[in-house]
Protein backbone atom coordinates (compact mmCIF):
# COMPACT_ATOMS: atom_id res chain seq x y z
CA MET A 1 49.57 87.94 100.22
CA THR A 2 52.19 86.15 102.33
CA GLU A 3 55.48 87.67 103.45
CA GLN A 4 57.33 85.12 101.28
CA TYR A 5 55.31 86.14 98.22
CA ARG A 6 56.00 89.83 98.89
CA ALA A 7 59.72 89.15 99.34
CA ASP A 8 59.86 87.02 96.17
CA LEU A 9 58.02 89.71 94.16
CA LYS A 10 60.36 92.43 95.42
CA LYS A 11 63.45 90.37 94.62
CA ALA A 12 62.14 89.42 91.15
CA ALA A 13 61.14 93.00 90.31
CA GLU A 14 64.57 94.29 91.37
CA PHE A 15 66.30 91.60 89.30
CA HIS A 16 64.12 92.22 86.24
CA GLY A 17 63.73 95.99 86.56
CA HIS A 18 59.97 96.26 87.07
CA THR A 19 56.85 94.33 88.04
CA CYS A 20 54.66 92.98 85.26
CA THR A 21 52.44 90.00 84.53
CA GLY A 22 55.44 87.81 83.69
CA ILE A 23 57.13 88.61 87.00
CA ILE A 24 53.95 88.04 89.00
CA LEU A 25 53.17 84.73 87.31
CA GLY A 26 56.81 83.65 87.33
CA VAL A 27 57.04 84.15 91.09
CA ARG A 28 53.87 82.14 91.62
CA LEU A 29 54.97 79.43 89.22
CA ALA A 30 58.37 79.20 90.94
CA ARG A 31 56.79 78.74 94.37
CA VAL A 32 54.36 76.12 93.03
CA GLY A 33 57.27 74.15 91.55
CA LEU A 34 59.37 74.44 94.70
CA ASN A 35 56.40 73.37 96.84
CA TYR A 36 55.84 70.33 94.62
CA LEU A 37 59.45 69.30 95.23
CA GLY A 38 59.10 69.99 98.96
CA ILE A 39 61.63 72.84 98.90
CA ASP A 40 61.03 75.70 101.33
CA ASP A 41 64.40 77.41 100.93
CA PRO A 42 65.95 76.94 97.47
CA ALA A 43 69.27 78.34 98.72
CA LYS A 44 69.62 75.25 100.93
CA ASN A 45 68.66 72.70 98.25
CA ARG A 46 70.68 72.42 95.06
CA ASP A 47 69.25 69.09 93.91
CA PHE A 48 66.79 70.42 91.36
CA ILE A 49 66.80 71.80 87.83
CA VAL A 50 64.25 74.13 86.25
CA TYR A 51 63.38 74.11 82.56
CA CYS A 52 61.76 77.40 81.48
CA GLU A 53 59.89 77.46 78.19
CA ILE A 54 60.04 81.18 77.42
CA ASP A 55 62.73 83.84 77.11
CA ARG A 56 60.72 86.59 78.77
CA CYS A 57 59.96 88.07 82.18
CA LEU A 58 58.67 84.82 83.68
CA THR A 59 62.12 83.25 83.41
CA ASP A 60 63.73 86.16 85.27
CA ALA A 61 61.23 85.67 88.10
CA VAL A 62 61.90 81.93 88.24
CA GLN A 63 65.65 82.57 88.29
CA SER A 64 65.44 85.15 91.08
CA VAL A 65 63.16 83.02 93.29
CA THR A 66 64.97 79.69 92.81
CA GLY A 67 68.57 80.86 92.51
CA CYS A 68 68.92 78.62 89.45
CA SER A 69 70.83 80.10 86.52
CA LEU A 70 72.16 79.07 83.13
CA GLY A 71 75.72 79.49 84.36
CA LYS A 72 75.12 77.16 87.29
CA ARG A 73 73.52 74.70 84.84
CA ARG A 74 70.40 74.43 86.98
CA LEU A 75 68.26 76.63 84.73
CA LYS A 76 67.60 75.27 81.25
CA ALA A 77 66.09 77.28 78.42
CA LYS A 78 63.63 75.56 76.12
CA GLU A 79 62.33 78.19 73.73
CA TYR A 80 58.73 77.12 73.17
CA SER A 81 57.30 80.62 73.88
CA LYS A 82 54.96 79.21 76.53
CA MET A 83 54.44 80.59 80.02
CA ALA A 84 55.60 77.28 81.48
CA ALA A 85 58.32 75.75 83.60
CA THR A 86 59.25 72.26 84.75
CA PHE A 87 60.82 71.66 88.15
CA VAL A 88 62.79 68.40 88.33
CA ASP A 89 64.40 66.61 91.26
CA MET A 90 67.88 65.70 89.93
CA ASN A 91 67.99 62.50 92.02
CA THR A 92 64.68 60.96 90.99
CA LYS A 93 64.21 62.77 87.62
CA ASN A 94 60.57 63.32 88.65
CA GLY A 95 58.97 66.71 88.75
CA THR A 96 56.09 68.92 87.78
CA ARG A 97 55.39 70.98 84.70
CA SER A 98 53.25 74.06 85.23
CA VAL A 99 51.81 76.01 82.33
CA MET A 100 49.63 79.09 82.25
CA SER A 101 46.10 78.05 81.40
CA ALA A 102 44.33 81.34 82.10
CA LYS A 103 43.02 82.84 78.89
CA GLU A 104 42.54 86.32 80.24
CA ASN A 105 45.08 89.09 80.46
CA ALA A 106 45.18 92.01 82.84
CA PRO A 107 43.15 94.84 81.28
CA GLU A 108 45.12 97.77 79.89
CA GLY A 109 46.08 100.13 82.70
CA ALA A 110 44.94 97.69 85.40
CA ASP A 111 46.85 96.99 88.60
CA GLU A 112 48.40 93.74 87.38
CA LEU A 113 49.21 92.50 90.86
CA ALA A 114 45.63 92.98 92.07
CA PHE A 115 44.28 91.45 88.86
CA TRP A 116 46.35 88.25 89.08
CA ASN A 117 45.99 87.91 92.85
CA GLN A 118 42.23 87.46 92.49
CA PHE A 119 42.85 84.03 90.95
CA THR A 120 44.09 80.86 92.65
CA ASP A 121 47.11 79.02 91.29
CA GLU A 122 44.74 76.33 90.01
CA GLU A 123 42.80 78.93 88.04
CA VAL A 124 45.93 80.38 86.45
CA PHE A 125 48.07 77.27 85.87
CA ARG A 126 47.66 73.69 84.77
CA PHE A 127 49.92 71.24 86.60
CA GLU A 128 51.13 67.85 85.44
CA PRO A 129 53.57 65.40 87.01
CA VAL A 130 56.42 64.59 84.63
CA THR A 131 59.69 62.76 84.43
CA VAL A 132 62.70 64.22 82.64
CA ASP A 133 65.64 62.22 81.33
CA ILE A 134 68.52 64.54 82.16
CA PRO A 135 71.62 63.46 80.24
CA PRO A 136 74.85 63.44 82.28
CA GLU A 137 76.27 66.22 80.11
CA ASP A 138 73.40 68.52 81.15
CA MET A 139 73.93 68.08 84.88
CA PRO A 140 75.58 70.79 86.98
CA GLY A 141 79.27 70.44 87.64
CA ARG A 142 82.44 70.31 85.64
CA PRO A 143 82.28 69.51 81.91
CA ILE A 144 82.35 65.77 81.33
CA ARG A 145 84.09 66.05 77.97
CA SER A 146 85.57 68.67 75.68
CA VAL A 147 86.78 68.52 72.10
CA VAL A 148 87.94 71.01 69.48
CA CYS A 149 85.97 71.72 66.31
CA GLU A 150 88.01 70.64 63.31
CA MET A 151 86.74 73.59 61.27
CA CYS A 152 86.80 76.69 63.53
CA HIS A 153 89.15 75.22 66.15
CA GLU A 154 86.94 76.37 69.02
CA LYS A 155 86.43 74.24 72.14
CA ILE A 156 83.10 72.41 72.50
CA MET A 157 82.03 71.02 75.88
CA ASP A 158 79.62 68.43 77.20
CA ASN A 159 78.92 66.31 74.13
CA LYS A 160 77.45 69.22 72.16
CA ASP A 161 79.66 68.44 69.16
CA VAL A 162 78.39 66.99 65.89
CA GLN A 163 79.95 64.23 63.80
CA LYS A 164 79.68 65.22 60.13
CA ASP A 165 81.58 63.74 57.18
CA GLY A 166 83.92 62.02 59.64
CA LYS A 167 84.82 65.28 61.39
CA ILE A 168 84.13 66.63 64.85
CA LEU A 169 82.32 69.95 64.41
CA CYS A 170 80.62 72.50 66.60
CA ARG A 171 76.94 73.01 65.87
CA SER A 172 77.49 76.38 64.21
CA CYS A 173 80.00 74.91 61.75
CA ALA A 174 77.86 71.84 61.13
CA GLU A 175 74.46 73.50 60.92
CA GLY A 176 75.12 77.19 60.39
CA GLY A 177 75.36 79.68 63.21
CA TYR A 178 73.10 82.43 64.37
CA TYR A 179 75.84 84.90 63.40
CA GLN A 180 77.77 85.63 60.21
CA LYS A 181 81.41 86.70 60.38
CA ILE A 182 82.15 90.08 58.78
């Protein structure tokens, strides 16, 4: 176990609250993605975006190792419920998608770190080079456009509005929101 791996695990566990399979695999997946892009120190390189495909522990590990976050617009959530992430160079739009391919799980009560560390990255993950078309409105930086929903009168940024029946609407007014007003 390298010093970098230990440091990444410690940082991810502190950020997440504990160490578990998702944290262990997320740290490894983050380093694999960074290595693919040729990034040793993610704090010194802000020219990449990470798409995580799960809203679980793995994403916290990726966020803590890379420094990417939703608020900085360099971490993107794609809820596919897969232990996978795609690391993309914002300049070339090329990257790598890594997905867990291991079919085993750490046995109940096992030392998860020892269990997962017995496998190489190639045994745990499948890697594939990819290209990602990142629309300008999804890039980091200031909003490129904002409008007001004609129904709820709330501000909508970055071309996330919907044209419906000749009106500019937010997605929740156009499609139904995840919440109901009481």
